[in-house]
Amino acid sequence: SPVVAGGRLFVSEGMHADFHCRGYCLDPATGRELWSVEAGDHMEGGPAVHAGAAYFSAGNEGVVAADAVT
């Protein structure tokens, strides 16, 4: 499930058998990638954004966190 926060769109990719997935921050108006973060496992759940950080579930890796802006 995508999340819009702070004028940015956050989405993650992956299926249970996919071990090199990414979480993305996109410009919601254009779809242009602003940044991405890689996880060593699947990202089946949607991202969450809170207090300036973006959180992506990453299967056996737990949670990957990134600055929501950079």
C-alpha atoms as a PDB file:
ATOM      1  CA  SER A   1       0.000   0.000   0.000  1.00  0.00           C
ATOM      2  CA  PRO A   2       1.519   3.337  -0.990  1.00  0.00           C
ATOM      3  CA  VAL A   3       1.711   6.207   1.496  1.00  0.00           C
ATOM      4  CA  VAL A   4       1.688   9.947   0.749  1.00  0.00           C
ATOM      5  CA  ALA A   5       3.362  12.118   3.388  1.00  0.00           C
ATOM      6  CA  GLY A   6       5.125  15.466   3.243  1.00  0.00           C
ATOM      7  CA  GLY A   7       4.346  15.848  -0.449  1.00  0.00           C
ATOM      8  CA  ARG A   8       6.107  12.585  -1.319  1.00  0.00           C
ATOM      9  CA  LEU A   9       4.895   9.137  -2.310  1.00  0.00           C
ATOM     10  CA  PHE A  10       6.411   6.111  -0.563  1.00  0.00           C
ATOM     11  CA  VAL A  11       6.043   2.583  -1.918  1.00  0.00           C
ATOM     12  CA  SER A  12       7.900  -0.700  -1.582  1.00  0.00           C
ATOM     13  CA  GLU A  13       8.333  -3.712  -3.847  1.00  0.00           C
ATOM     14  CA  GLY A  14       8.775  -7.415  -3.462  1.00  0.00           C
ATOM     15  CA  MET A  15       7.272 -10.808  -2.984  1.00  0.00           C
ATOM     16  CA  HIS A  16       8.088 -13.450  -0.424  1.00  0.00           C
ATOM     17  CA  ALA A  17      10.662 -15.201  -2.641  1.00  0.00           C
ATOM     18  CA  ASP A  18      12.329 -11.944  -3.799  1.00  0.00           C
ATOM     19  CA  PHE A  19      15.415 -11.165  -1.705  1.00  0.00           C
ATOM     20  CA  HIS A  20      16.659  -7.877  -3.195  1.00  0.00           C
ATOM     21  CA  CYS A  21      13.820  -5.400  -2.899  1.00  0.00           C
ATOM     22  CA  ARG A  22      13.707  -1.625  -2.620  1.00  0.00           C
ATOM     23  CA  GLY A  23      11.652   0.996  -0.880  1.00  0.00           C
ATOM     24  CA  TYR A  24      11.068   4.111  -2.976  1.00  0.00           C
ATOM     25  CA  CYS A  25      10.334   7.781  -2.431  1.00  0.00           C
ATOM     26  CA  LEU A  26       8.666   9.285  -5.505  1.00  0.00           C
ATOM     27  CA  ASP A  27       7.382  12.649  -6.636  1.00  0.00           C
ATOM     28  CA  PRO A  28       3.603  12.020  -6.605  1.00  0.00           C
ATOM     29  CA  ALA A  29       2.972  14.457  -9.472  1.00  0.00           C
ATOM     30  CA  THR A  30       5.465  12.928 -11.907  1.00  0.00           C
ATOM     31  CA  GLY A  31       6.342   9.485 -10.527  1.00  0.00           C
ATOM     32  CA  ARG A  32      10.024  10.453 -10.680  1.00  0.00           C
ATOM     33  CA  GLU A  33      12.198   8.553  -8.200  1.00  0.00           C
ATOM     34  CA  LEU A  34      13.656  10.863  -5.550  1.00  0.00           C
ATOM     35  CA  TRP A  35      15.545   8.142  -3.703  1.00  0.00           C
ATOM     36  CA  SER A  36      15.406   4.448  -2.870  1.00  0.00           C
ATOM     37  CA  VAL A  37      16.727   2.122  -0.192  1.00  0.00           C
ATOM     38  CA  GLU A  38      17.601  -1.549  -0.653  1.00  0.00           C
ATOM     39  CA  ALA A  39      16.719  -4.397   1.673  1.00  0.00           C
ATOM     40  CA  GLY A  40      18.212  -7.854   1.697  1.00  0.00           C
ATOM     41  CA  ASP A  41      14.793  -9.467   1.865  1.00  0.00           C
ATOM     42  CA  HIS A  42      11.225  -9.046   0.613  1.00  0.00           C
ATOM     43  CA  MET A  43       9.148  -5.947   1.369  1.00  0.00           C
ATOM     44  CA  GLU A  44       5.590  -7.273   1.370  1.00  0.00           C
ATOM     45  CA  GLY A  45       4.099  -4.677   3.717  1.00  0.00           C
ATOM     46  CA  GLY A  46       3.494  -1.044   2.923  1.00  0.00           C
ATOM     47  CA  PRO A  47       5.767   1.721   4.195  1.00  0.00           C
ATOM     48  CA  ALA A  48       5.058   3.996   7.145  1.00  0.00           C
ATOM     49  CA  VAL A  49       6.235   7.582   7.601  1.00  0.00           C
ATOM     50  CA  HIS A  50       6.611   9.239  11.000  1.00  0.00           C
ATOM     51  CA  ALA A  51       8.696  12.054  12.491  1.00  0.00           C
ATOM     52  CA  GLY A  52      10.780  12.566   9.345  1.00  0.00           C
ATOM     53  CA  ALA A  53      11.614   8.895   8.783  1.00  0.00           C
ATOM     54  CA  ALA A  54      10.280   6.331   6.326  1.00  0.00           C
ATOM     55  CA  TYR A  55      10.016   2.730   7.521  1.00  0.00           C
ATOM     56  CA  PHE A  56       9.847  -0.299   5.235  1.00  0.00           C
ATOM     57  CA  SER A  57       9.123  -3.839   6.441  1.00  0.00           C
ATOM     58  CA  ALA A  58      11.823  -6.177   5.168  1.00  0.00           C
ATOM     59  CA  GLY A  59      10.920  -9.769   5.983  1.00  0.00           C
ATOM     60  CA  ASN A  60      13.647 -11.571   7.921  1.00  0.00           C
ATOM     61  CA  GLU A  61      15.709  -8.353   7.904  1.00  0.00           C
ATOM     62  CA  GLY A  62      13.113  -6.646  10.120  1.00  0.00           C
ATOM     63  CA  VAL A  63      12.587  -2.973   9.343  1.00  0.00           C
ATOM     64  CA  VAL A  64      14.646  -0.671   7.135  1.00  0.00           C
ATOM     65  CA  ALA A  65      14.477   3.031   8.082  1.00  0.00           C
ATOM     66  CA  ALA A  66      15.522   6.019   5.981  1.00  0.00           C
ATOM     67  CA  ASP A  67      15.338   9.789   6.206  1.00  0.00           C
ATOM     68  CA  ALA A  68      12.031  10.629   4.527  1.00  0.00           C
ATOM     69  CA  VAL A  69      13.551  13.553   2.603  1.00  0.00           C
ATOM     70  CA  THR A  70      17.027  12.410   1.607  1.00  0.00           C
END
